[in-house]
């Protein structure tokens, strides 16, 4: 598999806490939101990077306890991006969701 985040895929990702990992996913989701209003191609690239990071998070053994929520977040994120009506989440809800991880990651420093 060809990774956009090669260094992270090689092991650096596992050195981050779950809060830091999810905050990084949130950064890509924020970019997706920003770019979908300006340039669909850049939005799509940011979205695929977010999914890649979620995949790395899911595969990180230390996140086993939170695996159900992480997988559900991935499912809902795909639903949101492709405008499926199942969960009906909004840009603002995703911003709020991932901001929590950003704040938690900063507190842990």
C-alpha atoms as a PDB file:
ATOM      1  CA  UNK A   1       0.000   0.000   0.000  1.00  0.00           C
ATOM      2  CA  UNK A   2       1.274   3.461  -0.859  1.00  0.00           C
ATOM      3  CA  UNK A   3       0.963   5.841   2.103  1.00  0.00           C
ATOM      4  CA  UNK A   4       0.814   9.621   1.983  1.00  0.00           C
ATOM      5  CA  UNK A   5       2.156   9.686   5.550  1.00  0.00           C
ATOM      6  CA  UNK A   6       5.088   7.319   5.005  1.00  0.00           C
ATOM      7  CA  UNK A   7       7.029   8.174   8.171  1.00  0.00           C
ATOM      8  CA  UNK A   8       3.922   7.815  10.285  1.00  0.00           C
ATOM      9  CA  UNK A   9       3.088   4.469   8.685  1.00  0.00           C
ATOM     10  CA  UNK A  10       6.599   3.207   9.469  1.00  0.00           C
ATOM     11  CA  UNK A  11       5.987   3.523  13.203  1.00  0.00           C
ATOM     12  CA  UNK A  12       5.981   7.171  14.211  1.00  0.00           C
ATOM     13  CA  UNK A  13       2.176   7.118  14.421  1.00  0.00           C
ATOM     14  CA  UNK A  14       2.253   4.556  17.214  1.00  0.00           C
ATOM     15  CA  UNK A  15       4.389   6.870  19.323  1.00  0.00           C
ATOM     16  CA  UNK A  16       1.541   9.389  19.470  1.00  0.00           C
ATOM     17  CA  UNK A  17      -1.219   9.164  22.059  1.00  0.00           C
ATOM     18  CA  UNK A  18      -4.739   8.388  20.890  1.00  0.00           C
ATOM     19  CA  UNK A  19      -5.657  12.031  21.526  1.00  0.00           C
ATOM     20  CA  UNK A  20      -2.776  13.217  19.337  1.00  0.00           C
ATOM     21  CA  UNK A  21      -3.685  10.720  16.616  1.00  0.00           C
ATOM     22  CA  UNK A  22      -7.314  11.800  16.547  1.00  0.00           C
ATOM     23  CA  UNK A  23      -6.312  15.482  16.623  1.00  0.00           C
ATOM     24  CA  UNK A  24      -4.214  14.849  13.506  1.00  0.00           C
ATOM     25  CA  UNK A  25      -7.138  13.113  11.821  1.00  0.00           C
ATOM     26  CA  UNK A  26      -9.193  16.166  12.741  1.00  0.00           C
ATOM     27  CA  UNK A  27      -6.689  18.427  11.012  1.00  0.00           C
ATOM     28  CA  UNK A  28      -7.241  16.548   7.771  1.00  0.00           C
ATOM     29  CA  UNK A  29     -11.015  16.671   8.262  1.00  0.00           C
ATOM     30  CA  UNK A  30     -10.751  20.445   8.794  1.00  0.00           C
ATOM     31  CA  UNK A  31      -8.797  20.717   5.563  1.00  0.00           C
ATOM     32  CA  UNK A  32     -11.478  18.658   3.830  1.00  0.00           C
ATOM     33  CA  UNK A  33     -14.158  21.052   5.062  1.00  0.00           C
ATOM     34  CA  UNK A  34     -12.135  24.105   4.068  1.00  0.00           C
ATOM     35  CA  UNK A  35     -11.331  22.817   0.598  1.00  0.00           C
ATOM     36  CA  UNK A  36     -14.714  21.380  -0.325  1.00  0.00           C
ATOM     37  CA  UNK A  37     -15.933  24.965  -0.661  1.00  0.00           C
ATOM     38  CA  UNK A  38     -12.975  25.943  -2.853  1.00  0.00           C
ATOM     39  CA  UNK A  39     -11.468  22.971  -4.668  1.00  0.00           C
ATOM     40  CA  UNK A  40     -13.029  19.485  -4.748  1.00  0.00           C
ATOM     41  CA  UNK A  41      -9.732  17.832  -5.693  1.00  0.00           C
ATOM     42  CA  UNK A  42      -7.910  19.191  -2.630  1.00  0.00           C
ATOM     43  CA  UNK A  43     -10.896  18.308  -0.465  1.00  0.00           C
ATOM     44  CA  UNK A  44     -10.798  14.742  -1.716  1.00  0.00           C
ATOM     45  CA  UNK A  45      -7.049  14.469  -1.104  1.00  0.00           C
ATOM     46  CA  UNK A  46      -7.470  15.715   2.485  1.00  0.00           C
ATOM     47  CA  UNK A  47     -10.336  13.273   3.036  1.00  0.00           C
ATOM     48  CA  UNK A  48      -8.268  10.294   1.856  1.00  0.00           C
ATOM     49  CA  UNK A  49      -5.428  11.391   4.145  1.00  0.00           C
ATOM     50  CA  UNK A  50      -7.893  11.509   7.050  1.00  0.00           C
ATOM     51  CA  UNK A  51      -9.016   7.962   6.249  1.00  0.00           C
ATOM     52  CA  UNK A  52      -5.405   6.834   6.013  1.00  0.00           C
ATOM     53  CA  UNK A  53      -4.683   8.247   9.468  1.00  0.00           C
ATOM     54  CA  UNK A  54      -7.827   6.642  10.864  1.00  0.00           C
ATOM     55  CA  UNK A  55      -6.635   3.341   9.421  1.00  0.00           C
ATOM     56  CA  UNK A  56      -3.283   3.739  11.176  1.00  0.00           C
ATOM     57  CA  UNK A  57      -5.146   4.587  14.386  1.00  0.00           C
ATOM     58  CA  UNK A  58      -7.345   1.504  14.062  1.00  0.00           C
ATOM     59  CA  UNK A  59      -4.281  -0.696  13.513  1.00  0.00           C
ATOM     60  CA  UNK A  60      -2.424   0.699  16.540  1.00  0.00           C
ATOM     61  CA  UNK A  61      -2.600  -2.018  19.249  1.00  0.00           C
ATOM     62  CA  UNK A  62      -2.729   0.486  22.123  1.00  0.00           C
ATOM     63  CA  UNK A  63      -6.096   1.771  20.838  1.00  0.00           C
ATOM     64  CA  UNK A  64      -7.866  -1.554  21.259  1.00  0.00           C
ATOM     65  CA  UNK A  65     -10.110  -0.234  24.061  1.00  0.00           C
ATOM     66  CA  UNK A  66     -11.413   2.619  21.870  1.00  0.00           C
ATOM     67  CA  UNK A  67     -11.597   0.618  18.661  1.00  0.00           C
ATOM     68  CA  UNK A  68     -15.399   0.586  18.471  1.00  0.00           C
ATOM     69  CA  UNK A  69     -15.643   4.388  18.577  1.00  0.00           C
ATOM     70  CA  UNK A  70     -12.776   4.873  16.133  1.00  0.00           C
ATOM     71  CA  UNK A  71     -14.376   2.476  13.646  1.00  0.00           C
ATOM     72  CA  UNK A  72     -17.751   4.151  14.075  1.00  0.00           C
ATOM     73  CA  UNK A  73     -16.156   7.564  13.507  1.00  0.00           C
ATOM     74  CA  UNK A  74     -14.639   6.255  10.275  1.00  0.00           C
ATOM     75  CA  UNK A  75     -17.999   4.861   9.156  1.00  0.00           C
ATOM     76  CA  UNK A  76     -19.764   8.131   9.936  1.00  0.00           C
ATOM     77  CA  UNK A  77     -17.027  10.196   8.300  1.00  0.00           C
ATOM     78  CA  UNK A  78     -17.413   8.271   5.043  1.00  0.00           C
ATOM     79  CA  UNK A  79     -21.197   8.711   5.289  1.00  0.00           C
ATOM     80  CA  UNK A  80     -20.735  12.473   5.778  1.00  0.00           C
ATOM     81  CA  UNK A  81     -18.240  12.948   2.960  1.00  0.00           C
ATOM     82  CA  UNK A  82     -20.304  11.087   0.391  1.00  0.00           C
ATOM     83  CA  UNK A  83     -23.531  12.839   1.450  1.00  0.00           C
ATOM     84  CA  UNK A  84     -25.293   9.658   2.494  1.00  0.00           C
ATOM     85  CA  UNK A  85     -28.387  10.230   4.617  1.00  0.00           C
ATOM     86  CA  UNK A  86     -27.795   7.561   7.267  1.00  0.00           C
ATOM     87  CA  UNK A  87     -26.129   9.686   9.978  1.00  0.00           C
ATOM     88  CA  UNK A  88     -26.765  13.195   8.630  1.00  0.00           C
ATOM     89  CA  UNK A  89     -23.727  14.760  10.248  1.00  0.00           C
ATOM     90  CA  UNK A  90     -22.590  18.268   9.406  1.00  0.00           C
ATOM     91  CA  UNK A  91     -19.305  20.087   8.956  1.00  0.00           C
ATOM     92  CA  UNK A  92     -19.860  21.857  12.273  1.00  0.00           C
ATOM     93  CA  UNK A  93     -20.452  18.599  14.138  1.00  0.00           C
ATOM     94  CA  UNK A  94     -17.217  17.140  12.793  1.00  0.00           C
ATOM     95  CA  UNK A  95     -15.317  20.276  13.757  1.00  0.00           C
ATOM     96  CA  UNK A  96     -16.682  20.049  17.317  1.00  0.00           C
ATOM     97  CA  UNK A  97     -15.956  16.318  17.538  1.00  0.00           C
ATOM     98  CA  UNK A  98     -12.328  16.635  16.508  1.00  0.00           C
ATOM     99  CA  UNK A  99     -11.737  19.856  18.462  1.00  0.00           C
ATOM    100  CA  UNK A 100     -12.228  17.820  21.639  1.00  0.00           C
ATOM    101  CA  UNK A 101      -9.219  15.677  20.725  1.00  0.00           C
ATOM    102  CA  UNK A 102      -7.174  18.748  19.844  1.00  0.00           C
ATOM    103  CA  UNK A 103      -7.856  20.266  23.261  1.00  0.00           C
ATOM    104  CA  UNK A 104      -7.185  16.977  25.057  1.00  0.00           C
ATOM    105  CA  UNK A 105      -3.876  16.501  23.218  1.00  0.00           C
ATOM    106  CA  UNK A 106      -2.754  20.007  24.222  1.00  0.00           C
ATOM    107  CA  UNK A 107      -3.631  19.441  27.887  1.00  0.00           C
ATOM    108  CA  UNK A 108      -1.540  16.254  27.992  1.00  0.00           C
ATOM    109  CA  UNK A 109       1.661  18.058  26.970  1.00  0.00           C
END
